[in-house]
Amino acid sequence: MPLHGWLVFLGCLRLARYLHQKNRFDCIDAHFVYPDGFAAVLLGKVLGIPVVISARGTDINLYPSYALIRPQLQWALRSAAGIIAVSADLKRKIIALGIPEEKVQVISNGVDVQRFQPRDSREARRRLRLMGEGPILVSVGSLIESKGHHLLTAAVAEVLPRFRRLRLYVIGEGVYRPRLEELIRKKHLQDNVFLMGSQPNEELAFWFSAADLSCLMSSREGWPNVVTESLACGTPVLATSVGGIPEILVSAELGAMVEREVCSIARGLEESLSKHWDREAISSKARARSWNTVAEEVATLFQSKLP
């Protein structure tokens, strides 16, 4: 891993030079600080053009803890002409790495307002063949420990005495599947928790619309798109208070935040499933920030960094 930045740079150099000679670039837009941003800064130095790096999450939340990665990551941030952080939380962590505050601009993610919009809940359930009555939870994210699906599954078992027909649909794939399958068997949740695997992005709007509540029990996040996409569909969110999530769930009318432990999640489920939500107001709030708005902010930043 400590060589990835150099390898990306060397792998791109010849093509980047050729393309730059053919149609000169004004700047390089690099997403993910390492290895992409590191390689982009090296390319920028060779080509003599500015580089803007966007920090997305894991690159700042996790990678600085690696002794051989941290100095390369810091060098890339110091050498970039500008830095975009998708959340104020990430900006604070970038500053803590010794980067001047004025160099970092927060430009949060937007939402695809054409794809993610409210659908009729019953029609969405019929489309997805989610037969039967009762509240539905959806949790979208890779099947890895940091997404907390195992904690959510255990919390479902805790609240079943009150919500007998409760069902949880987990959307995603990953190495944690065998452990989740074992947990489902151990807790006798075969009729309540379902691992649906990866789903096309265009189908997620129907999953969110079919659900009464969307859940995300992550240990770390940048600006999780699944939260804003769920809200854009009018579905409230129950999530852990990490990364940019508190910057999204700014009102109790949008959702609730819990501690990353089973008892807290179970309490959050009980309260959220018992609450009446104004789904139209939730959708209206989330759909106010489209990707077009984000693009305009990014373009303005690019212009300010050009010679």
C-alpha atoms as a PDB file:
ATOM      1  CA  MET A   1       0.000   0.000   0.000  1.00  0.00           C
ATOM      2  CA  PRO A   2       2.761   2.567   0.679  1.00  0.00           C
ATOM      3  CA  LEU A   3       3.756   2.245  -2.998  1.00  0.00           C
ATOM      4  CA  HIS A   4       0.253   2.626  -4.455  1.00  0.00           C
ATOM      5  CA  GLY A   5       0.513   6.392  -4.950  1.00  0.00           C
ATOM      6  CA  TRP A   6       3.787   6.097  -6.838  1.00  0.00           C
ATOM      7  CA  LEU A   7       2.482   3.186  -8.910  1.00  0.00           C
ATOM      8  CA  VAL A   8      -0.668   5.084  -9.898  1.00  0.00           C
ATOM      9  CA  PHE A   9       1.477   8.087 -10.869  1.00  0.00           C
ATOM     10  CA  LEU A  10       3.857   5.988 -12.989  1.00  0.00           C
ATOM     11  CA  GLY A  11       0.954   4.117 -14.572  1.00  0.00           C
ATOM     12  CA  CYS A  12      -0.750   7.368 -15.608  1.00  0.00           C
ATOM     13  CA  LEU A  13       2.246   9.511 -16.511  1.00  0.00           C
ATOM     14  CA  ARG A  14       2.699   8.573 -20.167  1.00  0.00           C
ATOM     15  CA  LEU A  15      -1.000   8.838 -21.000  1.00  0.00           C
ATOM     16  CA  ALA A  16      -1.412  12.068 -19.017  1.00  0.00           C
ATOM     17  CA  ARG A  17       1.469  13.682 -20.910  1.00  0.00           C
ATOM     18  CA  TYR A  18       0.022  12.579 -24.251  1.00  0.00           C
ATOM     19  CA  LEU A  19      -3.469  13.881 -23.441  1.00  0.00           C
ATOM     20  CA  HIS A  20      -2.087  17.146 -22.081  1.00  0.00           C
ATOM     21  CA  GLN A  21      -0.144  17.770 -25.289  1.00  0.00           C
ATOM     22  CA  LYS A  22      -3.208  16.924 -27.389  1.00  0.00           C
ATOM     23  CA  ASN A  23      -5.686  19.053 -25.417  1.00  0.00           C
ATOM     24  CA  ARG A  24      -4.117  21.013 -22.572  1.00  0.00           C
ATOM     25  CA  PHE A  25      -5.638  20.617 -19.108  1.00  0.00           C
ATOM     26  CA  ASP A  26      -6.328  23.582 -16.838  1.00  0.00           C
ATOM     27  CA  CYS A  27      -6.194  21.548 -13.648  1.00  0.00           C
ATOM     28  CA  ILE A  28      -6.501  18.036 -12.241  1.00  0.00           C
ATOM     29  CA  ASP A  29      -9.538  17.022 -10.184  1.00  0.00           C
ATOM     30  CA  ALA A  30      -8.526  14.184  -7.829  1.00  0.00           C
ATOM     31  CA  HIS A  31     -10.912  12.284  -5.587  1.00  0.00           C
ATOM     32  CA  PHE A  32      -9.662  10.351  -2.528  1.00  0.00           C
ATOM     33  CA  VAL A  33      -6.502  11.758  -0.981  1.00  0.00           C
ATOM     34  CA  TYR A  34      -4.447   8.570  -1.185  1.00  0.00           C
ATOM     35  CA  PRO A  35      -3.376   7.048  -3.516  1.00  0.00           C
ATOM     36  CA  ASP A  36      -5.292   9.080  -6.118  1.00  0.00           C
ATOM     37  CA  GLY A  37      -4.611  12.549  -4.753  1.00  0.00           C
ATOM     38  CA  PHE A  38      -0.943  11.777  -4.114  1.00  0.00           C
ATOM     39  CA  ALA A  39      -0.516  10.538  -7.692  1.00  0.00           C
ATOM     40  CA  ALA A  40      -2.427  13.542  -9.052  1.00  0.00           C
ATOM     41  CA  VAL A  41      -0.142  16.020  -7.257  1.00  0.00           C
ATOM     42  CA  LEU A  42       2.905  14.301  -8.762  1.00  0.00           C
ATOM     43  CA  LEU A  43       1.289  14.538 -12.209  1.00  0.00           C
ATOM     44  CA  GLY A  44       0.447  18.183 -11.583  1.00  0.00           C
ATOM     45  CA  LYS A  45       4.074  18.950 -10.811  1.00  0.00           C
ATOM     46  CA  VAL A  46       5.257  17.221 -13.997  1.00  0.00           C
ATOM     47  CA  LEU A  47       2.639  18.955 -16.166  1.00  0.00           C
ATOM     48  CA  GLY A  48       2.842  22.304 -14.387  1.00  0.00           C
ATOM     49  CA  ILE A  49      -0.860  22.576 -13.544  1.00  0.00           C
ATOM     50  CA  PRO A  50      -2.776  22.928 -10.251  1.00  0.00           C
ATOM     51  CA  VAL A  51      -4.440  20.002  -8.492  1.00  0.00           C
ATOM     52  CA  VAL A  52      -7.610  20.060  -6.392  1.00  0.00           C
ATOM     53  CA  ILE A  53      -8.094  17.055  -4.091  1.00  0.00           C
ATOM     54  CA  SER A  54     -11.436  15.924  -2.681  1.00  0.00           C
ATOM     55  CA  ALA A  55     -11.418  14.037   0.626  1.00  0.00           C
ATOM     56  CA  ARG A  56     -14.239  11.504   0.745  1.00  0.00           C
ATOM     57  CA  GLY A  57     -14.042   9.660   4.072  1.00  0.00           C
ATOM     58  CA  THR A  58     -11.814   6.643   4.649  1.00  0.00           C
ATOM     59  CA  ASP A  59      -8.851   8.519   3.174  1.00  0.00           C
ATOM     60  CA  ILE A  60      -8.992  10.887   6.172  1.00  0.00           C
ATOM     61  CA  ASN A  61     -10.835   8.805   8.780  1.00  0.00           C
ATOM     62  CA  LEU A  62      -8.526   5.787   8.553  1.00  0.00           C
ATOM     63  CA  TYR A  63      -5.428   6.187   6.387  1.00  0.00           C
ATOM     64  CA  PRO A  64      -3.584   8.740   8.577  1.00  0.00           C
ATOM     65  CA  SER A  65      -3.262   5.980  11.190  1.00  0.00           C
ATOM     66  CA  TYR A  66      -0.888   4.100   8.844  1.00  0.00           C
ATOM     67  CA  ALA A  67       2.660   5.212   9.616  1.00  0.00           C
ATOM     68  CA  LEU A  68       3.942   4.907   6.024  1.00  0.00           C
ATOM     69  CA  ILE A  69       0.828   6.462   4.455  1.00  0.00           C
ATOM     70  CA  ARG A  70       0.365   9.480   6.736  1.00  0.00           C
ATOM     71  CA  PRO A  71       3.389  11.519   5.510  1.00  0.00           C
ATOM     72  CA  GLN A  72       2.490  10.903   1.856  1.00  0.00           C
ATOM     73  CA  LEU A  73      -1.094  11.922   2.529  1.00  0.00           C
ATOM     74  CA  GLN A  74       0.024  15.085   4.336  1.00  0.00           C
ATOM     75  CA  TRP A  75       2.422  15.975   1.521  1.00  0.00           C
ATOM     76  CA  ALA A  76      -0.353  15.606  -1.058  1.00  0.00           C
ATOM     77  CA  LEU A  77      -2.678  17.864   0.949  1.00  0.00           C
ATOM     78  CA  ARG A  78       0.015  20.501   1.501  1.00  0.00           C
ATOM     79  CA  SER A  79       1.013  20.460  -2.172  1.00  0.00           C
ATOM     80  CA  ALA A  80      -2.518  20.649  -3.602  1.00  0.00           C
ATOM     81  CA  ALA A  81      -3.798  23.993  -4.844  1.00  0.00           C
ATOM     82  CA  GLY A  82      -7.090  23.391  -3.085  1.00  0.00           C
ATOM     83  CA  ILE A  83      -8.869  20.799  -0.973  1.00  0.00           C
ATOM     84  CA  ILE A  84     -12.537  19.855  -0.908  1.00  0.00           C
ATOM     85  CA  ALA A  85     -13.961  18.109   2.148  1.00  0.00           C
ATOM     86  CA  VAL A  86     -17.410  16.587   1.788  1.00  0.00           C
ATOM     87  CA  SER A  87     -18.220  17.373   5.426  1.00  0.00           C
ATOM     88  CA  ALA A  88     -17.178  19.799   8.150  1.00  0.00           C
ATOM     89  CA  ASP A  89     -16.094  16.770  10.182  1.00  0.00           C
ATOM     90  CA  LEU A  90     -13.556  15.836   7.500  1.00  0.00           C
ATOM     91  CA  LYS A  91     -12.376  19.437   7.301  1.00  0.00           C
ATOM     92  CA  ARG A  92     -11.607  19.439  11.037  1.00  0.00           C
ATOM     93  CA  LYS A  93      -9.617  16.218  10.658  1.00  0.00           C
ATOM     94  CA  ILE A  94      -7.681  17.610   7.676  1.00  0.00           C
ATOM     95  CA  ILE A  95      -6.769  20.719   9.676  1.00  0.00           C
ATOM     96  CA  ALA A  96      -5.612  18.440  12.506  1.00  0.00           C
ATOM     97  CA  LEU A  97      -3.100  16.964  10.026  1.00  0.00           C
ATOM     98  CA  GLY A  98      -1.401  20.368   9.864  1.00  0.00           C
ATOM     99  CA  ILE A  99      -3.189  21.774   6.805  1.00  0.00           C
ATOM    100  CA  PRO A 100      -4.151  25.491   6.892  1.00  0.00           C
ATOM    101  CA  GLU A 101      -7.881  25.983   7.442  1.00  0.00           C
ATOM    102  CA  GLU A 102      -8.217  28.474   4.592  1.00  0.00           C
ATOM    103  CA  LYS A 103      -7.037  25.829   2.143  1.00  0.00           C
ATOM    104  CA  VAL A 104      -9.984  23.518   2.841  1.00  0.00           C
ATOM    105  CA  GLN A 105     -13.490  24.160   1.531  1.00  0.00           C
ATOM    106  CA  VAL A 106     -16.532  22.101   2.522  1.00  0.00           C
ATOM    107  CA  ILE A 107     -18.671  21.107  -0.447  1.00  0.00           C
ATOM    108  CA  SER A 108     -21.103  18.441   0.680  1.00  0.00           C
ATOM    109  CA  ASN A 109     -22.543  15.856  -1.675  1.00  0.00           C
ATOM    110  CA  GLY A 110     -25.842  16.374  -3.445  1.00  0.00           C
ATOM    111  CA  VAL A 111     -28.574  13.972  -4.476  1.00  0.00           C
ATOM    112  CA  ASP A 112     -29.884  12.832  -7.854  1.00  0.00           C
ATOM    113  CA  VAL A 113     -33.337  14.407  -7.646  1.00  0.00           C
ATOM    114  CA  GLN A 114     -34.551  12.618 -10.764  1.00  0.00           C
ATOM    115  CA  ARG A 115     -33.704   9.154  -9.459  1.00  0.00           C
ATOM    116  CA  PHE A 116     -34.401   9.640  -5.760  1.00  0.00           C
ATOM    117  CA  GLN A 117     -37.903  10.895  -5.258  1.00  0.00           C
ATOM    118  CA  PRO A 118     -40.879   9.564  -3.282  1.00  0.00           C
ATOM    119  CA  ARG A 119     -42.768   6.597  -4.683  1.00  0.00           C
ATOM    120  CA  ASP A 120     -45.981   5.130  -3.362  1.00  0.00           C
ATOM    121  CA  SER A 121     -44.995   2.741  -0.578  1.00  0.00           C
ATOM    122  CA  ARG A 122     -47.446  -0.009  -1.521  1.00  0.00           C
ATOM    123  CA  GLU A 123     -46.471   0.106  -5.179  1.00  0.00           C
ATOM    124  CA  ALA A 124     -42.781  -0.018  -4.229  1.00  0.00           C
ATOM    125  CA  ARG A 125     -43.408  -3.077  -2.045  1.00  0.00           C
ATOM    126  CA  ARG A 126     -45.299  -4.800  -4.843  1.00  0.00           C
ATOM    127  CA  ARG A 127     -42.513  -4.046  -7.317  1.00  0.00           C
ATOM    128  CA  LEU A 128     -39.926  -5.524  -4.934  1.00  0.00           C
ATOM    129  CA  ARG A 129     -42.244  -8.428  -4.014  1.00  0.00           C
ATOM    130  CA  LEU A 130     -42.169  -7.561  -0.351  1.00  0.00           C
ATOM    131  CA  MET A 131     -45.407  -9.303   0.528  1.00  0.00           C
ATOM    132  CA  GLY A 132     -47.058  -9.186   3.938  1.00  0.00           C
ATOM    133  CA  GLU A 133     -47.864  -6.500   6.457  1.00  0.00           C
ATOM    134  CA  GLY A 134     -45.678  -4.906   9.090  1.00  0.00           C
ATOM    135  CA  PRO A 135     -42.923  -2.283   9.298  1.00  0.00           C
ATOM    136  CA  ILE A 136     -39.922  -2.554   6.992  1.00  0.00           C
ATOM    137  CA  LEU A 137     -36.356  -1.475   7.643  1.00  0.00           C
ATOM    138  CA  VAL A 138     -33.703  -1.120   4.965  1.00  0.00           C
ATOM    139  CA  SER A 139     -29.954  -0.877   5.510  1.00  0.00           C
ATOM    140  CA  VAL A 140     -27.740  -0.128   2.508  1.00  0.00           C
ATOM    141  CA  GLY A 141     -23.993  -0.687   2.686  1.00  0.00           C
ATOM    142  CA  SER A 142     -21.216  -3.184   2.100  1.00  0.00           C
ATOM    143  CA  LEU A 143     -21.268  -6.258   4.314  1.00  0.00           C
ATOM    144  CA  ILE A 144     -18.262  -5.254   6.394  1.00  0.00           C
ATOM    145  CA  GLU A 145     -17.835  -4.730  10.127  1.00  0.00           C
ATOM    146  CA  SER A 146     -17.713  -0.936   9.943  1.00  0.00           C
ATOM    147  CA  LYS A 147     -21.245  -0.702   8.500  1.00  0.00           C
ATOM    148  CA  GLY A 148     -22.717  -2.260  11.645  1.00  0.00           C
ATOM    149  CA  HIS A 149     -25.270  -4.595  10.060  1.00  0.00           C
ATOM    150  CA  HIS A 150     -24.566  -7.111  12.836  1.00  0.00           C
ATOM    151  CA  LEU A 151     -25.509  -4.566  15.491  1.00  0.00           C
ATOM    152  CA  LEU A 152     -28.699  -3.647  13.660  1.00  0.00           C
ATOM    153  CA  THR A 153     -29.608  -7.331  13.287  1.00  0.00           C
ATOM    154  CA  ALA A 154     -29.141  -7.896  17.016  1.00  0.00           C
ATOM    155  CA  ALA A 155     -31.268  -4.822  17.750  1.00  0.00           C
ATOM    156  CA  VAL A 156     -34.048  -6.186  15.533  1.00  0.00           C
ATOM    157  CA  ALA A 157     -34.105  -9.296  17.707  1.00  0.00           C
ATOM    158  CA  GLU A 158     -34.496  -7.054  20.773  1.00  0.00           C
ATOM    159  CA  VAL A 159     -37.566  -5.200  19.456  1.00  0.00           C
ATOM    160  CA  LEU A 160     -39.384  -8.175  17.892  1.00  0.00           C
ATOM    161  CA  PRO A 161     -41.618  -8.735  20.948  1.00  0.00           C
ATOM    162  CA  ARG A 162     -43.170  -5.318  20.242  1.00  0.00           C
ATOM    163  CA  PHE A 163     -42.969  -5.384  16.414  1.00  0.00           C
ATOM    164  CA  ARG A 164     -43.712  -9.013  15.536  1.00  0.00           C
ATOM    165  CA  ARG A 165     -43.946  -8.452  11.790  1.00  0.00           C
ATOM    166  CA  LEU A 166     -40.839  -6.295  11.539  1.00  0.00           C
ATOM    167  CA  ARG A 167     -38.567  -7.076   8.586  1.00  0.00           C
ATOM    168  CA  LEU A 168     -35.053  -5.857   7.826  1.00  0.00           C
ATOM    169  CA  TYR A 169     -33.668  -5.939   4.277  1.00  0.00           C
ATOM    170  CA  VAL A 170     -29.902  -5.496   4.021  1.00  0.00           C
ATOM    171  CA  ILE A 171     -28.713  -4.246   0.618  1.00  0.00           C
ATOM    172  CA  GLY A 172     -25.051  -4.895  -0.141  1.00  0.00           C
ATOM    173  CA  GLU A 173     -22.392  -7.558  -0.425  1.00  0.00           C
ATOM    174  CA  GLY A 174     -19.095  -8.265   1.278  1.00  0.00           C
ATOM    175  CA  VAL A 175     -16.876 -10.482   3.381  1.00  0.00           C
ATOM    176  CA  TYR A 176     -19.105 -10.200   6.455  1.00  0.00           C
ATOM    177  CA  ARG A 177     -21.957 -12.197   4.871  1.00  0.00           C
ATOM    178  CA  PRO A 178     -21.108 -15.552   6.548  1.00  0.00           C
ATOM    179  CA  ARG A 179     -21.028 -13.910   9.993  1.00  0.00           C
ATOM    180  CA  LEU A 180     -24.352 -12.188   9.366  1.00  0.00           C
ATOM    181  CA  GLU A 181     -25.911 -15.425   8.154  1.00  0.00           C
ATOM    182  CA  GLU A 182     -24.684 -17.149  11.309  1.00  0.00           C
ATOM    183  CA  LEU A 183     -26.101 -14.352  13.488  1.00  0.00           C
ATOM    184  CA  ILE A 184     -29.471 -14.552  11.731  1.00  0.00           C
ATOM    185  CA  ARG A 185     -29.620 -18.299  12.406  1.00  0.00           C
ATOM    186  CA  LYS A 186     -28.479 -17.892  16.011  1.00  0.00           C
ATOM    187  CA  LYS A 187     -31.137 -15.252  16.704  1.00  0.00           C
ATOM    188  CA  HIS A 188     -33.817 -17.223  14.765  1.00  0.00           C
ATOM    189  CA  LEU A 189     -34.411 -14.257  12.461  1.00  0.00           C
ATOM    190  CA  GLN A 190     -34.798 -16.137   9.168  1.00  0.00           C
ATOM    191  CA  ASP A 191     -38.308 -14.671   8.764  1.00  0.00           C
ATOM    192  CA  ASN A 192     -37.260 -11.166   9.768  1.00  0.00           C
ATOM    193  CA  VAL A 193     -33.794 -10.348   8.377  1.00  0.00           C
ATOM    194  CA  PHE A 194     -32.930 -10.807   4.706  1.00  0.00           C
ATOM    195  CA  LEU A 195     -29.589 -10.307   2.956  1.00  0.00           C
ATOM    196  CA  MET A 196     -30.543  -9.109  -0.505  1.00  0.00           C
ATOM    197  CA  GLY A 197     -27.048  -8.733  -1.989  1.00  0.00           C
ATOM    198  CA  SER A 198     -26.054  -5.885  -4.265  1.00  0.00           C
ATOM    199  CA  GLN A 199     -28.857  -4.020  -6.025  1.00  0.00           C
ATOM    200  CA  PRO A 200     -28.695  -1.612  -8.992  1.00  0.00           C
ATOM    201  CA  ASN A 201     -28.470   1.992  -7.878  1.00  0.00           C
ATOM    202  CA  GLU A 202     -31.624   2.855  -9.804  1.00  0.00           C
ATOM    203  CA  GLU A 203     -33.547   0.320  -7.684  1.00  0.00           C
ATOM    204  CA  LEU A 204     -32.577   1.886  -4.350  1.00  0.00           C
ATOM    205  CA  ALA A 205     -35.305   4.522  -4.598  1.00  0.00           C
ATOM    206  CA  PHE A 206     -37.911   1.761  -4.529  1.00  0.00           C
ATOM    207  CA  TRP A 207     -36.272   0.126  -1.497  1.00  0.00           C
ATOM    208  CA  PHE A 208     -36.223   3.432   0.367  1.00  0.00           C
ATOM    209  CA  SER A 209     -39.830   4.188  -0.598  1.00  0.00           C
ATOM    210  CA  ALA A 210     -40.946   0.723   0.510  1.00  0.00           C
ATOM    211  CA  ALA A 211     -39.296   1.139   3.907  1.00  0.00           C
ATOM    212  CA  ASP A 212     -40.665   2.777   7.029  1.00  0.00           C
ATOM    213  CA  LEU A 213     -37.140   3.528   8.195  1.00  0.00           C
ATOM    214  CA  SER A 214     -33.644   3.494   6.688  1.00  0.00           C
ATOM    215  CA  CYS A 215     -30.758   2.529   8.993  1.00  0.00           C
ATOM    216  CA  LEU A 216     -26.994   3.083   8.916  1.00  0.00           C
ATOM    217  CA  MET A 217     -24.922   1.890  11.893  1.00  0.00           C
ATOM    218  CA  SER A 218     -21.462   2.856  10.655  1.00  0.00           C
ATOM    219  CA  SER A 219     -18.360   3.335  12.783  1.00  0.00           C
ATOM    220  CA  ARG A 220     -17.041   5.977  10.376  1.00  0.00           C
ATOM    221  CA  GLU A 221     -18.389   7.917   7.373  1.00  0.00           C
ATOM    222  CA  GLY A 222     -17.585  10.886   5.181  1.00  0.00           C
ATOM    223  CA  TRP A 223     -20.875  12.099   3.716  1.00  0.00           C
ATOM    224  CA  PRO A 224     -22.950   8.922   3.199  1.00  0.00           C
ATOM    225  CA  ASN A 225     -25.046   9.284   0.060  1.00  0.00           C
ATOM    226  CA  VAL A 226     -27.442   6.561   1.219  1.00  0.00           C
ATOM    227  CA  VAL A 227     -28.650   8.896   3.972  1.00  0.00           C
ATOM    228  CA  THR A 228     -29.498  11.798   1.659  1.00  0.00           C
ATOM    229  CA  GLU A 229     -30.920   9.423  -0.957  1.00  0.00           C
ATOM    230  CA  SER A 230     -33.224   7.865   1.617  1.00  0.00           C
ATOM    231  CA  LEU A 231     -34.359  11.286   2.817  1.00  0.00           C
ATOM    232  CA  ALA A 232     -34.954  12.401  -0.775  1.00  0.00           C
ATOM    233  CA  CYS A 233     -37.396   9.506  -1.073  1.00  0.00           C
ATOM    234  CA  GLY A 234     -39.172  10.740   2.057  1.00  0.00           C
ATOM    235  CA  THR A 235     -37.870   7.939   4.293  1.00  0.00           C
ATOM    236  CA  PRO A 236     -36.575   8.923   7.752  1.00  0.00           C
ATOM    237  CA  VAL A 237     -33.139   7.695   8.829  1.00  0.00           C
ATOM    238  CA  LEU A 238     -31.841   6.108  12.013  1.00  0.00           C
ATOM    239  CA  ALA A 239     -28.046   6.349  12.099  1.00  0.00           C
ATOM    240  CA  THR A 240     -24.981   6.571  14.266  1.00  0.00           C
ATOM    241  CA  SER A 241     -23.622  10.030  15.013  1.00  0.00           C
ATOM    242  CA  VAL A 242     -20.394   9.732  13.020  1.00  0.00           C
ATOM    243  CA  GLY A 243     -18.698  11.697  10.241  1.00  0.00           C
ATOM    244  CA  GLY A 244     -21.026  13.956   8.291  1.00  0.00           C
ATOM    245  CA  ILE A 245     -24.237  12.297   9.495  1.00  0.00           C
ATOM    246  CA  PRO A 246     -24.989  14.983  12.146  1.00  0.00           C
ATOM    247  CA  GLU A 247     -24.610  17.537   9.349  1.00  0.00           C
ATOM    248  CA  ILE A 248     -27.356  15.744   7.400  1.00  0.00           C
ATOM    249  CA  LEU A 249     -29.775  14.832  10.197  1.00  0.00           C
ATOM    250  CA  VAL A 250     -29.975  18.421  11.427  1.00  0.00           C
ATOM    251  CA  SER A 251     -33.557  18.052  12.627  1.00  0.00           C
ATOM    252  CA  ALA A 252     -35.511  15.469  14.597  1.00  0.00           C
ATOM    253  CA  GLU A 253     -38.032  15.655  11.770  1.00  0.00           C
ATOM    254  CA  LEU A 254     -35.542  13.961   9.424  1.00  0.00           C
ATOM    255  CA  GLY A 255     -34.491  11.069  11.615  1.00  0.00           C
ATOM    256  CA  ALA A 256     -32.644  10.136  14.781  1.00  0.00           C
ATOM    257  CA  MET A 257     -29.090   9.332  15.854  1.00  0.00           C
ATOM    258  CA  VAL A 258     -28.039   6.567  18.235  1.00  0.00           C
ATOM    259  CA  GLU A 259     -24.947   5.183  19.876  1.00  0.00           C
ATOM    260  CA  ARG A 260     -23.235   2.295  18.100  1.00  0.00           C
ATOM    261  CA  GLU A 261     -24.393  -0.375  20.514  1.00  0.00           C
ATOM    262  CA  VAL A 262     -27.359  -2.738  20.474  1.00  0.00           C
ATOM    263  CA  CYS A 263     -29.401  -1.262  23.343  1.00  0.00           C
ATOM    264  CA  SER A 264     -29.232   2.255  21.934  1.00  0.00           C
ATOM    265  CA  ILE A 265     -30.113   1.062  18.435  1.00  0.00           C
ATOM    266  CA  ALA A 266     -33.067  -0.949  19.798  1.00  0.00           C
ATOM    267  CA  ARG A 267     -34.395   2.125  21.630  1.00  0.00           C
ATOM    268  CA  GLY A 268     -33.979   4.165  18.457  1.00  0.00           C
ATOM    269  CA  LEU A 269     -35.903   1.586  16.454  1.00  0.00           C
ATOM    270  CA  GLU A 270     -38.776   1.521  18.931  1.00  0.00           C
ATOM    271  CA  GLU A 271     -39.064   5.307  19.042  1.00  0.00           C
ATOM    272  CA  SER A 272     -38.684   5.809  15.295  1.00  0.00           C
ATOM    273  CA  LEU A 273     -41.153   3.073  14.344  1.00  0.00           C
ATOM    274  CA  SER A 274     -43.707   4.536  16.758  1.00  0.00           C
ATOM    275  CA  LYS A 275     -43.374   8.083  15.443  1.00  0.00           C
ATOM    276  CA  HIS A 276     -45.418   9.708  12.698  1.00  0.00           C
ATOM    277  CA  TRP A 277     -43.123  11.136  10.019  1.00  0.00           C
ATOM    278  CA  ASP A 278     -43.978  13.826   7.476  1.00  0.00           C
ATOM    279  CA  ARG A 279     -42.442  12.081   4.473  1.00  0.00           C
ATOM    280  CA  GLU A 280     -43.291  14.898   2.084  1.00  0.00           C
ATOM    281  CA  ALA A 281     -41.426  17.433   4.236  1.00  0.00           C
ATOM    282  CA  ILE A 282     -38.462  15.066   4.587  1.00  0.00           C
ATOM    283  CA  SER A 283     -38.215  14.675   0.818  1.00  0.00           C
ATOM    284  CA  SER A 284     -38.560  18.399   0.160  1.00  0.00           C
ATOM    285  CA  LYS A 285     -35.722  19.202   2.565  1.00  0.00           C
ATOM    286  CA  ALA A 286     -33.322  16.595   1.135  1.00  0.00           C
ATOM    287  CA  ARG A 287     -34.035  17.336  -2.522  1.00  0.00           C
ATOM    288  CA  ALA A 288     -33.090  21.000  -2.114  1.00  0.00           C
ATOM    289  CA  ARG A 289     -29.422  20.199  -2.774  1.00  0.00           C
ATOM    290  CA  SER A 290     -28.978  18.624  -6.197  1.00  0.00           C
ATOM    291  CA  TRP A 291     -25.751  17.550  -7.901  1.00  0.00           C
ATOM    292  CA  ASN A 292     -26.126  20.589 -10.197  1.00  0.00           C
ATOM    293  CA  THR A 293     -25.702  22.837  -7.159  1.00  0.00           C
ATOM    294  CA  VAL A 294     -22.615  20.875  -6.111  1.00  0.00           C
ATOM    295  CA  ALA A 295     -21.169  21.130  -9.638  1.00  0.00           C
ATOM    296  CA  GLU A 296     -21.538  24.908  -9.597  1.00  0.00           C
ATOM    297  CA  GLU A 297     -19.689  25.161  -6.273  1.00  0.00           C
ATOM    298  CA  VAL A 298     -16.896  22.882  -7.493  1.00  0.00           C
ATOM    299  CA  ALA A 299     -16.556  24.813 -10.773  1.00  0.00           C
ATOM    300  CA  THR A 300     -16.275  28.070  -8.844  1.00  0.00           C
ATOM    301  CA  LEU A 301     -13.484  26.597  -6.710  1.00  0.00           C
ATOM    302  CA  PHE A 302     -11.637  25.373  -9.814  1.00  0.00           C
ATOM    303  CA  GLN A 303     -11.792  28.841 -11.344  1.00  0.00           C
ATOM    304  CA  SER A 304     -10.320  30.369  -8.203  1.00  0.00           C
ATOM    305  CA  LYS A 305      -7.313  28.009  -8.350  1.00  0.00           C
ATOM    306  CA  LEU A 306      -6.342  28.609 -11.976  1.00  0.00           C
ATOM    307  CA  PRO A 307      -3.267  30.769 -12.668  1.00  0.00           C
END
